[in-house]
């Protein structure tokens, strides 16, 4: 039920933004704990998020890869130890670098949108 509501609201937002010539990109943040520690519900939620964005053809950047790389390098990923929801400063810097590399800060082709400075 909730997934259907999220899907519909994202569809409406996508369509409104497109009608206004605004590029829409979703950044998908992981839980800030190692994936093997995710429970079944958390893994299923991540899969549902990907499926929803794919079905709506919404441009998105999944931040799981830079998160896992940061973990492997021993970078502190959480704002507060045990906080699975909020990235720490070092993790935010890592995300910013990764997002810049993805070239999604430019307008989506065909939208007529211009980049704001």
PDB file of N, CA and C in Angstrom:
ATOM      1  N   UNK A   1       0.823  -1.193   0.000  1.00  0.00           N
ATOM      2  CA  UNK A   1       0.000   0.000   0.000  1.00  0.00           C
ATOM      3  C   UNK A   1       0.865   1.255   0.000  1.00  0.00           C
ATOM      4  N   UNK A   2       1.849   1.291   0.893  1.00  0.00           N
ATOM      5  CA  UNK A   2       2.712   2.467   0.964  1.00  0.00           C
ATOM      6  C   UNK A   2       3.520   2.618  -0.321  1.00  0.00           C
ATOM      7  N   UNK A   3       4.018   1.511  -0.864  1.00  0.00           N
ATOM      8  CA  UNK A   3       4.796   1.577  -2.104  1.00  0.00           C
ATOM      9  C   UNK A   3       3.956   2.149  -3.236  1.00  0.00           C
ATOM     10  N   UNK A   4       2.679   1.784  -3.290  1.00  0.00           N
ATOM     11  CA  UNK A   4       1.796   2.325  -4.319  1.00  0.00           C
ATOM     12  C   UNK A   4       1.596   3.819  -4.173  1.00  0.00           C
ATOM     13  N   UNK A   5       1.451   4.270  -2.948  1.00  0.00           N
ATOM     14  CA  UNK A   5       1.287   5.699  -2.688  1.00  0.00           C
ATOM     15  C   UNK A   5       2.556   6.467  -3.051  1.00  0.00           C
ATOM     16  N   UNK A   6       3.706   5.917  -2.687  1.00  0.00           N
ATOM     17  CA  UNK A   6       4.980   6.556  -3.027  1.00  0.00           C
ATOM     18  C   UNK A   6       5.138   6.619  -4.546  1.00  0.00           C
ATOM     19  N   UNK A   7       4.828   5.514  -5.222  1.00  0.00           N
ATOM     20  CA  UNK A   7       4.940   5.472  -6.678  1.00  0.00           C
ATOM     21  C   UNK A   7       4.071   6.540  -7.327  1.00  0.00           C
ATOM     22  N   UNK A   8       2.840   6.623  -6.894  1.00  0.00           N
ATOM     23  CA  UNK A   8       1.918   7.602  -7.475  1.00  0.00           C
ATOM     24  C   UNK A   8       2.382   9.035  -7.211  1.00  0.00           C
ATOM     25  N   UNK A   9       2.827   9.322  -6.004  1.00  0.00           N
ATOM     26  CA  UNK A   9       3.294  10.669  -5.689  1.00  0.00           C
ATOM     27  C   UNK A   9       4.558  11.033  -6.456  1.00  0.00           C
ATOM     28  N   UNK A  10       5.453  10.079  -6.633  1.00  0.00           N
ATOM     29  CA  UNK A  10       6.646  10.332  -7.441  1.00  0.00           C
ATOM     30  C   UNK A  10       6.271  10.569  -8.905  1.00  0.00           C
ATOM     31  N   UNK A  11       5.295   9.812  -9.404  1.00  0.00           N
ATOM     32  CA  UNK A  11       4.846   9.994 -10.780  1.00  0.00           C
ATOM     33  C   UNK A  11       4.288  11.404 -10.976  1.00  0.00           C
ATOM     34  N   UNK A  12       3.460  11.840 -10.040  1.00  0.00           N
ATOM     35  CA  UNK A  12       2.873  13.177 -10.125  1.00  0.00           C
ATOM     36  C   UNK A  12       3.972  14.242 -10.068  1.00  0.00           C
ATOM     37  N   UNK A  13       4.906  14.094  -9.140  1.00  0.00           N
ATOM     38  CA  UNK A  13       6.009  15.058  -9.030  1.00  0.00           C
ATOM     39  C   UNK A  13       6.843  15.071 -10.303  1.00  0.00           C
ATOM     40  N   UNK A  14       7.191  13.895 -10.811  1.00  0.00           N
ATOM     41  CA  UNK A  14       7.969  13.789 -12.057  1.00  0.00           C
ATOM     42  C   UNK A  14       7.263  14.533 -13.188  1.00  0.00           C
ATOM     43  N   UNK A  15       5.965  14.281 -13.340  1.00  0.00           N
ATOM     44  CA  UNK A  15       5.218  14.882 -14.441  1.00  0.00           C
ATOM     45  C   UNK A  15       5.107  16.403 -14.291  1.00  0.00           C
ATOM     46  N   UNK A  16       4.896  16.871 -13.077  1.00  0.00           N
ATOM     47  CA  UNK A  16       4.800  18.326 -12.853  1.00  0.00           C
ATOM     48  C   UNK A  16       6.128  19.016 -13.136  1.00  0.00           C
ATOM     49  N   UNK A  17       7.209  18.410 -12.674  1.00  0.00           N
ATOM     50  CA  UNK A  17       8.521  18.998 -12.920  1.00  0.00           C
ATOM     51  C   UNK A  17       8.843  19.006 -14.407  1.00  0.00           C
ATOM     52  N   UNK A  18       8.548  17.902 -15.075  1.00  0.00           N
ATOM     53  CA  UNK A  18       8.814  17.826 -16.509  1.00  0.00           C
ATOM     54  C   UNK A  18       8.006  18.890 -17.258  1.00  0.00           C
ATOM     55  N   UNK A  19       6.750  19.067 -16.878  1.00  0.00           N
ATOM     56  CA  UNK A  19       5.897  20.077 -17.518  1.00  0.00           C
ATOM     57  C   UNK A  19       6.470  21.484 -17.342  1.00  0.00           C
ATOM     58  N   UNK A  20       7.185  21.694 -16.232  1.00  0.00           N
ATOM     59  CA  UNK A  20       7.798  22.999 -15.965  1.00  0.00           C
ATOM     60  C   UNK A  20       9.235  23.080 -16.481  1.00  0.00           C
ATOM     61  N   UNK A  21       9.696  22.024 -17.167  1.00  0.00           N
ATOM     62  CA  UNK A  21      11.050  22.033 -17.720  1.00  0.00           C
ATOM     63  C   UNK A  21      12.131  21.871 -16.680  1.00  0.00           C
ATOM     64  N   UNK A  22      11.805  21.209 -15.576  1.00  0.00           N
ATOM     65  CA  UNK A  22      12.759  21.032 -14.479  1.00  0.00           C
ATOM     66  C   UNK A  22      13.235  19.584 -14.453  1.00  0.00           C
ATOM     67  N   UNK A  23      14.551  19.406 -14.473  1.00  0.00           N
ATOM     68  CA  UNK A  23      15.132  18.071 -14.392  1.00  0.00           C
ATOM     69  C   UNK A  23      14.915  17.508 -12.984  1.00  0.00           C
ATOM     70  N   UNK A  24      14.618  16.239 -12.910  1.00  0.00           N
ATOM     71  CA  UNK A  24      14.325  15.573 -11.635  1.00  0.00           C
ATOM     72  C   UNK A  24      15.286  14.413 -11.462  1.00  0.00           C
ATOM     73  N   UNK A  25      16.045  14.452 -10.384  1.00  0.00           N
ATOM     74  CA  UNK A  25      16.961  13.370 -10.044  1.00  0.00           C
ATOM     75  C   UNK A  25      16.735  13.006  -8.592  1.00  0.00           C
ATOM     76  N   UNK A  26      16.672  11.707  -8.326  1.00  0.00           N
ATOM     77  CA  UNK A  26      16.521  11.212  -6.960  1.00  0.00           C
ATOM     78  C   UNK A  26      17.859  10.625  -6.522  1.00  0.00           C
ATOM     79  N   UNK A  27      18.295  11.000  -5.343  1.00  0.00           N
ATOM     80  CA  UNK A  27      19.498  10.428  -4.742  1.00  0.00           C
ATOM     81  C   UNK A  27      19.046   9.410  -3.712  1.00  0.00           C
ATOM     82  N   UNK A  28      19.454   8.165  -3.899  1.00  0.00           N
ATOM     83  CA  UNK A  28      19.029   7.069  -3.032  1.00  0.00           C
ATOM     84  C   UNK A  28      20.131   6.806  -2.011  1.00  0.00           C
ATOM     85  N   UNK A  29      19.840   7.125  -0.755  1.00  0.00           N
ATOM     86  CA  UNK A  29      20.793   6.926   0.325  1.00  0.00           C
ATOM     87  C   UNK A  29      20.591   5.533   0.934  1.00  0.00           C
ATOM     88  N   UNK A  30      21.687   4.848   1.231  1.00  0.00           N
ATOM     89  CA  UNK A  30      21.569   3.557   1.897  1.00  0.00           C
ATOM     90  C   UNK A  30      21.378   3.747   3.398  1.00  0.00           C
ATOM     91  N   UNK A  31      21.042   2.668   4.072  1.00  0.00           N
ATOM     92  CA  UNK A  31      21.169   2.669   5.532  1.00  0.00           C
ATOM     93  C   UNK A  31      22.653   2.725   5.833  1.00  0.00           C
ATOM     94  N   UNK A  32      23.033   3.406   6.871  1.00  0.00           N
ATOM     95  CA  UNK A  32      24.450   3.570   7.171  1.00  0.00           C
ATOM     96  C   UNK A  32      24.944   2.475   8.115  1.00  0.00           C
ATOM     97  N   UNK A  33      24.807   1.241   7.604  1.00  0.00           N
ATOM     98  CA  UNK A  33      25.374   0.062   8.250  1.00  0.00           C
ATOM     99  C   UNK A  33      25.697  -0.916   7.126  1.00  0.00           C
ATOM    100  N   UNK A  34      26.639  -1.821   7.343  1.00  0.00           N
ATOM    101  CA  UNK A  34      27.026  -2.752   6.272  1.00  0.00           C
ATOM    102  C   UNK A  34      25.830  -3.544   5.747  1.00  0.00           C
ATOM    103  N   UNK A  35      25.769  -3.710   4.435  1.00  0.00           N
ATOM    104  CA  UNK A  35      24.654  -4.407   3.799  1.00  0.00           C
ATOM    105  C   UNK A  35      24.412  -5.791   4.404  1.00  0.00           C
ATOM    106  N   UNK A  36      25.441  -6.573   4.735  1.00  0.00           N
ATOM    107  CA  UNK A  36      25.160  -7.881   5.338  1.00  0.00           C
ATOM    108  C   UNK A  36      24.391  -7.796   6.662  1.00  0.00           C
ATOM    109  N   UNK A  37      24.398  -6.623   7.284  1.00  0.00           N
ATOM    110  CA  UNK A  37      23.651  -6.431   8.533  1.00  0.00           C
ATOM    111  C   UNK A  37      22.215  -5.972   8.298  1.00  0.00           C
ATOM    112  N   UNK A  38      21.860  -5.672   7.047  1.00  0.00           N
ATOM    113  CA  UNK A  38      20.485  -5.278   6.744  1.00  0.00           C
ATOM    114  C   UNK A  38      19.586  -6.484   6.953  1.00  0.00           C
ATOM    115  N   UNK A  39      18.428  -6.251   7.545  1.00  0.00           N
ATOM    116  CA  UNK A  39      17.482  -7.358   7.697  1.00  0.00           C
ATOM    117  C   UNK A  39      16.676  -7.513   6.402  1.00  0.00           C
ATOM    118  N   UNK A  40      15.827  -8.518   6.348  1.00  0.00           N
ATOM    119  CA  UNK A  40      15.068  -8.813   5.127  1.00  0.00           C
ATOM    120  C   UNK A  40      14.202  -7.626   4.703  1.00  0.00           C
ATOM    121  N   UNK A  41      13.568  -6.961   5.649  1.00  0.00           N
ATOM    122  CA  UNK A  41      12.728  -5.809   5.316  1.00  0.00           C
ATOM    123  C   UNK A  41      13.555  -4.678   4.713  1.00  0.00           C
ATOM    124  N   UNK A  42      14.743  -4.452   5.251  1.00  0.00           N
ATOM    125  CA  UNK A  42      15.611  -3.387   4.738  1.00  0.00           C
ATOM    126  C   UNK A  42      16.093  -3.717   3.325  1.00  0.00           C
ATOM    127  N   UNK A  43      16.447  -4.971   3.083  1.00  0.00           N
ATOM    128  CA  UNK A  43      16.875  -5.381   1.735  1.00  0.00           C
ATOM    129  C   UNK A  43      15.713  -5.259   0.749  1.00  0.00           C
ATOM    130  N   UNK A  44      14.535  -5.681   1.175  1.00  0.00           N
ATOM    131  CA  UNK A  44      13.353  -5.581   0.311  1.00  0.00           C
ATOM    132  C   UNK A  44      13.014  -4.128  -0.002  1.00  0.00           C
ATOM    133  N   UNK A  45      13.139  -3.254   0.986  1.00  0.00           N
ATOM    134  CA  UNK A  45      12.857  -1.834   0.769  1.00  0.00           C
ATOM    135  C   UNK A  45      13.810  -1.250  -0.278  1.00  0.00           C
ATOM    136  N   UNK A  46      15.082  -1.607  -0.203  1.00  0.00           N
ATOM    137  CA  UNK A  46      16.060  -1.114  -1.176  1.00  0.00           C
ATOM    138  C   UNK A  46      15.697  -1.590  -2.582  1.00  0.00           C
ATOM    139  N   UNK A  47      15.271  -2.837  -2.695  1.00  0.00           N
ATOM    140  CA  UNK A  47      14.864  -3.369  -4.000  1.00  0.00           C
ATOM    141  C   UNK A  47      13.607  -2.665  -4.516  1.00  0.00           C
ATOM    142  N   UNK A  48      12.669  -2.384  -3.624  1.00  0.00           N
ATOM    143  CA  UNK A  48      11.436  -1.696  -4.033  1.00  0.00           C
ATOM    144  C   UNK A  48      11.741  -0.282  -4.523  1.00  0.00           C
ATOM    145  N   UNK A  49      12.643   0.396  -3.830  1.00  0.00           N
ATOM    146  CA  UNK A  49      13.022   1.749  -4.240  1.00  0.00           C
ATOM    147  C   UNK A  49      13.576   1.715  -5.664  1.00  0.00           C
ATOM    148  N   UNK A  50      14.503   0.800  -5.928  1.00  0.00           N
ATOM    149  CA  UNK A  50      15.076   0.684  -7.278  1.00  0.00           C
ATOM    150  C   UNK A  50      13.991   0.379  -8.307  1.00  0.00           C
ATOM    151  N   UNK A  51      13.088  -0.540  -7.966  1.00  0.00           N
ATOM    152  CA  UNK A  51      12.032  -0.933  -8.902  1.00  0.00           C
ATOM    153  C   UNK A  51      11.092   0.235  -9.202  1.00  0.00           C
ATOM    154  N   UNK A  52      10.735   0.992  -8.191  1.00  0.00           N
ATOM    155  CA  UNK A  52       9.845   2.141  -8.389  1.00  0.00           C
ATOM    156  C   UNK A  52      10.499   3.170  -9.306  1.00  0.00           C
ATOM    157  N   UNK A  53      11.734   3.518  -9.011  1.00  0.00           N
ATOM    158  CA  UNK A  53      12.422   4.522  -9.827  1.00  0.00           C
ATOM    159  C   UNK A  53      12.608   4.040 -11.254  1.00  0.00           C
ATOM    160  N   UNK A  54      12.940   2.762 -11.424  1.00  0.00           N
ATOM    161  CA  UNK A  54      13.092   2.204 -12.771  1.00  0.00           C
ATOM    162  C   UNK A  54      11.764   2.215 -13.520  1.00  0.00           C
ATOM    163  N   UNK A  55      10.684   1.816 -12.849  1.00  0.00           N
ATOM    164  CA  UNK A  55       9.385   1.750 -13.522  1.00  0.00           C
ATOM    165  C   UNK A  55       8.911   3.124 -13.961  1.00  0.00           C
ATOM    166  N   UNK A  56       9.272   4.154 -13.211  1.00  0.00           N
ATOM    167  CA  UNK A  56       8.876   5.523 -13.549  1.00  0.00           C
ATOM    168  C   UNK A  56       9.895   6.228 -14.441  1.00  0.00           C
ATOM    169  N   UNK A  57      10.990   5.533 -14.728  1.00  0.00           N
ATOM    170  CA  UNK A  57      12.071   6.093 -15.535  1.00  0.00           C
ATOM    171  C   UNK A  57      12.555   7.425 -14.980  1.00  0.00           C
ATOM    172  N   UNK A  58      12.740   7.441 -13.655  1.00  0.00           N
ATOM    173  CA  UNK A  58      13.250   8.629 -12.975  1.00  0.00           C
ATOM    174  C   UNK A  58      14.765   8.496 -12.853  1.00  0.00           C
ATOM    175  N   UNK A  59      15.447   9.517 -13.323  1.00  0.00           N
ATOM    176  CA  UNK A  59      16.904   9.531 -13.205  1.00  0.00           C
ATOM    177  C   UNK A  59      17.256   9.484 -11.723  1.00  0.00           C
ATOM    178  N   UNK A  60      18.182   8.584 -11.367  1.00  0.00           N
ATOM    179  CA  UNK A  60      18.534   8.451  -9.954  1.00  0.00           C
ATOM    180  C   UNK A  60      19.989   8.061  -9.799  1.00  0.00           C
ATOM    181  N   UNK A  61      20.507   8.354  -8.626  1.00  0.00           N
ATOM    182  CA  UNK A  61      21.874   8.000  -8.264  1.00  0.00           C
ATOM    183  C   UNK A  61      21.789   7.242  -6.950  1.00  0.00           C
ATOM    184  N   UNK A  62      22.158   5.967  -7.011  1.00  0.00           N
ATOM    185  CA  UNK A  62      22.174   5.143  -5.811  1.00  0.00           C
ATOM    186  C   UNK A  62      23.537   5.319  -5.148  1.00  0.00           C
ATOM    187  N   UNK A  63      23.533   5.723  -3.897  1.00  0.00           N
ATOM    188  CA  UNK A  63      24.771   6.044  -3.188  1.00  0.00           C
ATOM    189  C   UNK A  63      25.341   4.860  -2.404  1.00  0.00           C
ATOM    190  N   UNK A  64      24.866   3.657  -2.697  1.00  0.00           N
ATOM    191  CA  UNK A  64      25.365   2.471  -2.006  1.00  0.00           C
ATOM    192  C   UNK A  64      26.842   2.214  -2.316  1.00  0.00           C
ATOM    193  N   UNK A  65      27.250   2.379  -3.574  1.00  0.00           N
ATOM    194  CA  UNK A  65      28.642   2.093  -3.953  1.00  0.00           C
ATOM    195  C   UNK A  65      29.638   2.976  -3.195  1.00  0.00           C
ATOM    196  N   UNK A  66      29.455   4.300  -3.149  1.00  0.00           N
ATOM    197  CA  UNK A  66      30.433   5.089  -2.390  1.00  0.00           C
ATOM    198  C   UNK A  66      30.360   4.820  -0.887  1.00  0.00           C
ATOM    199  N   UNK A  67      29.180   4.436  -0.390  1.00  0.00           N
ATOM    200  CA  UNK A  67      29.060   4.066   1.016  1.00  0.00           C
ATOM    201  C   UNK A  67      29.891   2.814   1.305  1.00  0.00           C
ATOM    202  N   UNK A  68      29.738   1.796   0.466  1.00  0.00           N
ATOM    203  CA  UNK A  68      30.495   0.555   0.680  1.00  0.00           C
ATOM    204  C   UNK A  68      31.993   0.791   0.533  1.00  0.00           C
ATOM    205  N   UNK A  69      32.386   1.650  -0.411  1.00  0.00           N
ATOM    206  CA  UNK A  69      33.811   1.977  -0.569  1.00  0.00           C
ATOM    207  C   UNK A  69      34.342   2.675   0.679  1.00  0.00           C
ATOM    208  N   UNK A  70      33.553   3.585   1.245  1.00  0.00           N
ATOM    209  CA  UNK A  70      33.965   4.282   2.460  1.00  0.00           C
ATOM    210  C   UNK A  70      34.121   3.308   3.622  1.00  0.00           C
ATOM    211  N   UNK A  71      33.187   2.377   3.748  1.00  0.00           N
ATOM    212  CA  UNK A  71      33.301   1.360   4.802  1.00  0.00           C
ATOM    213  C   UNK A  71      34.598   0.567   4.645  1.00  0.00           C
ATOM    214  N   UNK A  72      34.883   0.150   3.413  1.00  0.00           N
ATOM    215  CA  UNK A  72      36.084  -0.649   3.145  1.00  0.00           C
ATOM    216  C   UNK A  72      37.358   0.117   3.471  1.00  0.00           C
ATOM    217  N   UNK A  73      37.306   1.439   3.338  1.00  0.00           N
ATOM    218  CA  UNK A  73      38.469   2.282   3.622  1.00  0.00           C
ATOM    219  C   UNK A  73      38.535   2.721   5.080  1.00  0.00           C
ATOM    220  N   UNK A  74      37.543   2.328   5.871  1.00  0.00           N
ATOM    221  CA  UNK A  74      37.534   2.687   7.282  1.00  0.00           C
ATOM    222  C   UNK A  74      37.070   4.102   7.567  1.00  0.00           C
ATOM    223  N   UNK A  75      36.420   4.729   6.609  1.00  0.00           N
ATOM    224  CA  UNK A  75      35.909   6.090   6.800  1.00  0.00           C
ATOM    225  C   UNK A  75      34.677   6.023   7.695  1.00  0.00           C
ATOM    226  N   UNK A  76      34.566   6.950   8.624  1.00  0.00           N
ATOM    227  CA  UNK A  76      33.385   7.021   9.489  1.00  0.00           C
ATOM    228  C   UNK A  76      32.194   7.424   8.630  1.00  0.00           C
ATOM    229  N   UNK A  77      31.170   6.611   8.631  1.00  0.00           N
ATOM    230  CA  UNK A  77      30.027   6.848   7.751  1.00  0.00           C
ATOM    231  C   UNK A  77      28.833   7.471   8.459  1.00  0.00           C
ATOM    232  N   UNK A  78      28.738   7.295   9.758  1.00  0.00           N
ATOM    233  CA  UNK A  78      27.558   7.750  10.500  1.00  0.00           C
ATOM    234  C   UNK A  78      27.824   9.082  11.191  1.00  0.00           C
ATOM    235  N   UNK A  79      26.768   9.873  11.302  1.00  0.00           N
ATOM    236  CA  UNK A  79      26.870  11.143  12.022  1.00  0.00           C
ATOM    237  C   UNK A  79      27.177  10.880  13.498  1.00  0.00           C
ATOM    238  N   UNK A  80      26.467   9.914  14.062  1.00  0.00           N
ATOM    239  CA  UNK A  80      26.638   9.503  15.448  1.00  0.00           C
ATOM    240  C   UNK A  80      26.714   7.983  15.453  1.00  0.00           C
ATOM    241  N   UNK A  81      27.645   7.389  16.177  1.00  0.00           N
ATOM    242  CA  UNK A  81      27.726   5.924  16.194  1.00  0.00           C
ATOM    243  C   UNK A  81      26.370   5.285  16.512  1.00  0.00           C
ATOM    244  N   UNK A  82      26.001   4.318  15.682  1.00  0.00           N
ATOM    245  CA  UNK A  82      24.728   3.634  15.847  1.00  0.00           C
ATOM    246  C   UNK A  82      23.571   4.294  15.119  1.00  0.00           C
ATOM    247  N   UNK A  83      23.811   5.449  14.495  1.00  0.00           N
ATOM    248  CA  UNK A  83      22.772   6.162  13.753  1.00  0.00           C
ATOM    249  C   UNK A  83      22.811   5.690  12.303  1.00  0.00           C
ATOM    250  N   UNK A  84      21.881   4.853  11.915  1.00  0.00           N
ATOM    251  CA  UNK A  84      21.854   4.277  10.573  1.00  0.00           C
ATOM    252  C   UNK A  84      21.209   5.178   9.548  1.00  0.00           C
ATOM    253  N   UNK A  85      20.716   6.331   9.964  1.00  0.00           N
ATOM    254  CA  UNK A  85      19.935   7.185   9.075  1.00  0.00           C
ATOM    255  C   UNK A  85      20.656   8.442   8.610  1.00  0.00           C
ATOM    256  N   UNK A  86      21.705   8.864   9.299  1.00  0.00           N
ATOM    257  CA  UNK A  86      22.336  10.150   8.993  1.00  0.00           C
ATOM    258  C   UNK A  86      23.826   9.988   8.723  1.00  0.00           C
ATOM    259  N   UNK A  87      24.295  10.457   7.554  1.00  0.00           N
ATOM    260  CA  UNK A  87      25.720  10.346   7.243  1.00  0.00           C
ATOM    261  C   UNK A  87      26.549  11.358   8.021  1.00  0.00           C
ATOM    262  N   UNK A  88      27.767  10.964   8.336  1.00  0.00           N
ATOM    263  CA  UNK A  88      28.706  11.879   8.961  1.00  0.00           C
ATOM    264  C   UNK A  88      29.348  12.792   7.920  1.00  0.00           C
ATOM    265  N   UNK A  89      30.132  13.745   8.389  1.00  0.00           N
ATOM    266  CA  UNK A  89      30.749  14.729   7.493  1.00  0.00           C
ATOM    267  C   UNK A  89      31.629  14.078   6.430  1.00  0.00           C
ATOM    268  N   UNK A  90      32.453  13.110   6.835  1.00  0.00           N
ATOM    269  CA  UNK A  90      33.342  12.458   5.865  1.00  0.00           C
ATOM    270  C   UNK A  90      32.530  11.723   4.802  1.00  0.00           C
ATOM    271  N   UNK A  91      31.441  11.101   5.209  1.00  0.00           N
ATOM    272  CA  UNK A  91      30.592  10.383   4.258  1.00  0.00           C
ATOM    273  C   UNK A  91      29.917  11.368   3.307  1.00  0.00           C
ATOM    274  N   UNK A  92      29.499  12.506   3.833  1.00  0.00           N
ATOM    275  CA  UNK A  92      28.883  13.536   2.980  1.00  0.00           C
ATOM    276  C   UNK A  92      29.873  14.032   1.931  1.00  0.00           C
ATOM    277  N   UNK A  93      31.115  14.234   2.325  1.00  0.00           N
ATOM    278  CA  UNK A  93      32.132  14.659   1.353  1.00  0.00           C
ATOM    279  C   UNK A  93      32.325  13.589   0.284  1.00  0.00           C
ATOM    280  N   UNK A  94      32.330  12.336   0.687  1.00  0.00           N
ATOM    281  CA  UNK A  94      32.463  11.228  -0.266  1.00  0.00           C
ATOM    282  C   UNK A  94      31.267  11.215  -1.228  1.00  0.00           C
ATOM    283  N   UNK A  95      30.073  11.391  -0.701  1.00  0.00           N
ATOM    284  CA  UNK A  95      28.886  11.427  -1.552  1.00  0.00           C
ATOM    285  C   UNK A  95      28.966  12.577  -2.548  1.00  0.00           C
ATOM    286  N   UNK A  96      29.385  13.750  -2.076  1.00  0.00           N
ATOM    287  CA  UNK A  96      29.468  14.919  -2.954  1.00  0.00           C
ATOM    288  C   UNK A  96      30.415  14.652  -4.127  1.00  0.00           C
ATOM    289  N   UNK A  97      31.567  14.059  -3.849  1.00  0.00           N
ATOM    290  CA  UNK A  97      32.503  13.723  -4.916  1.00  0.00           C
ATOM    291  C   UNK A  97      31.915  12.727  -5.897  1.00  0.00           C
ATOM    292  N   UNK A  98      31.235  11.728  -5.378  1.00  0.00           N
ATOM    293  CA  UNK A  98      30.622  10.712  -6.226  1.00  0.00           C
ATOM    294  C   UNK A  98      29.532  11.332  -7.102  1.00  0.00           C
ATOM    295  N   UNK A  99      28.701  12.174  -6.523  1.00  0.00           N
ATOM    296  CA  UNK A  99      27.616  12.813  -7.277  1.00  0.00           C
ATOM    297  C   UNK A  99      28.195  13.684  -8.396  1.00  0.00           C
ATOM    298  N   UNK A 100      29.265  14.421  -8.093  1.00  0.00           N
ATOM    299  CA  UNK A 100      29.903  15.237  -9.140  1.00  0.00           C
ATOM    300  C   UNK A 100      30.375  14.355 -10.296  1.00  0.00           C
ATOM    301  N   UNK A 101      30.913  13.183 -10.002  1.00  0.00           N
ATOM    302  CA  UNK A 101      31.399  12.265 -11.041  1.00  0.00           C
ATOM    303  C   UNK A 101      30.263  11.713 -11.907  1.00  0.00           C
ATOM    304  N   UNK A 102      29.065  11.664 -11.384  1.00  0.00           N
ATOM    305  CA  UNK A 102      27.931  11.086 -12.116  1.00  0.00           C
ATOM    306  C   UNK A 102      27.350  12.040 -13.150  1.00  0.00           C
ATOM    307  N   UNK A 103      27.767  13.288 -13.133  1.00  0.00           N
ATOM    308  CA  UNK A 103      27.320  14.287 -14.104  1.00  0.00           C
ATOM    309  C   UNK A 103      25.800  14.440 -14.113  1.00  0.00           C
ATOM    310  N   UNK A 104      25.201  14.406 -12.939  1.00  0.00           N
ATOM    311  CA  UNK A 104      23.746  14.581 -12.846  1.00  0.00           C
ATOM    312  C   UNK A 104      23.359  15.988 -12.411  1.00  0.00           C
ATOM    313  N   UNK A 105      24.332  16.823 -12.194  1.00  0.00           N
ATOM    314  CA  UNK A 105      24.017  18.183 -11.780  1.00  0.00           C
ATOM    315  C   UNK A 105      23.738  19.075 -12.979  1.00  0.00           C
ATOM    316  N   UNK A 106      23.890  18.500 -14.171  1.00  0.00           N
ATOM    317  CA  UNK A 106      23.523  19.193 -15.399  1.00  0.00           C
ATOM    318  C   UNK A 106      22.065  18.879 -15.708  1.00  0.00           C
ATOM    319  N   UNK A 107      21.403  19.719 -16.480  1.00  0.00           N
ATOM    320  CA  UNK A 107      20.009  19.453 -16.841  1.00  0.00           C
ATOM    321  C   UNK A 107      19.863  18.138 -17.599  1.00  0.00           C
ATOM    322  N   UNK A 108      18.752  17.466 -17.408  1.00  0.00           N
ATOM    323  CA  UNK A 108      18.450  16.256 -18.137  1.00  0.00           C
ATOM    324  C   UNK A 108      18.159  16.634 -19.587  1.00  0.00           C
ATOM    325  N   UNK A 109      18.737  15.910 -20.545  1.00  0.00           N
ATOM    326  CA  UNK A 109      18.495  16.241 -21.944  1.00  0.00           C
ATOM    327  C   UNK A 109      16.993  16.274 -22.259  1.00  0.00           C
ATOM    328  N   UNK A 110      16.614  17.238 -23.072  1.00  0.00           N
ATOM    329  CA  UNK A 110      15.228  17.332 -23.507  1.00  0.00           C
ATOM    330  C   UNK A 110      14.311  18.088 -22.585  1.00  0.00           C
ATOM    331  N   UNK A 111      14.814  18.531 -21.419  1.00  0.00           N
ATOM    332  CA  UNK A 111      13.928  19.235 -20.494  1.00  0.00           C
ATOM    333  C   UNK A 111      13.900  20.727 -20.764  1.00  0.00           C
ATOM    334  N   UNK A 112      14.932  21.231 -21.427  1.00  0.00           N
ATOM    335  CA  UNK A 112      15.009  22.666 -21.647  1.00  0.00           C
ATOM    336  C   UNK A 112      15.397  23.419 -20.381  1.00  0.00           C
ATOM    337  N   UNK A 113      15.700  22.679 -19.316  1.00  0.00           N
ATOM    338  CA  UNK A 113      16.056  23.317 -18.043  1.00  0.00           C
ATOM    339  C   UNK A 113      17.459  23.892 -18.123  1.00  0.00           C
ATOM    340  N   UNK A 114      17.695  24.912 -17.372  1.00  0.00           N
ATOM    341  CA  UNK A 114      19.038  25.478 -17.273  1.00  0.00           C
ATOM    342  C   UNK A 114      19.545  25.250 -15.865  1.00  0.00           C
ATOM    343  N   UNK A 115      20.846  25.097 -15.774  1.00  0.00           N
ATOM    344  CA  UNK A 115      21.448  24.870 -14.467  1.00  0.00           C
ATOM    345  C   UNK A 115      21.445  26.162 -13.673  1.00  0.00           C
ATOM    346  N   UNK A 116      21.031  26.092 -12.425  1.00  0.00           N
ATOM    347  CA  UNK A 116      21.045  27.273 -11.555  1.00  0.00           C
ATOM    348  C   UNK A 116      22.404  27.383 -10.894  1.00  0.00           C
ATOM    349  N   UNK A 117      22.882  28.589 -10.783  1.00  0.00           N
ATOM    350  CA  UNK A 117      24.188  28.830 -10.152  1.00  0.00           C
ATOM    351  C   UNK A 117      24.003  29.218  -8.711  1.00  0.00           C
TER     352      UNK A 117
END
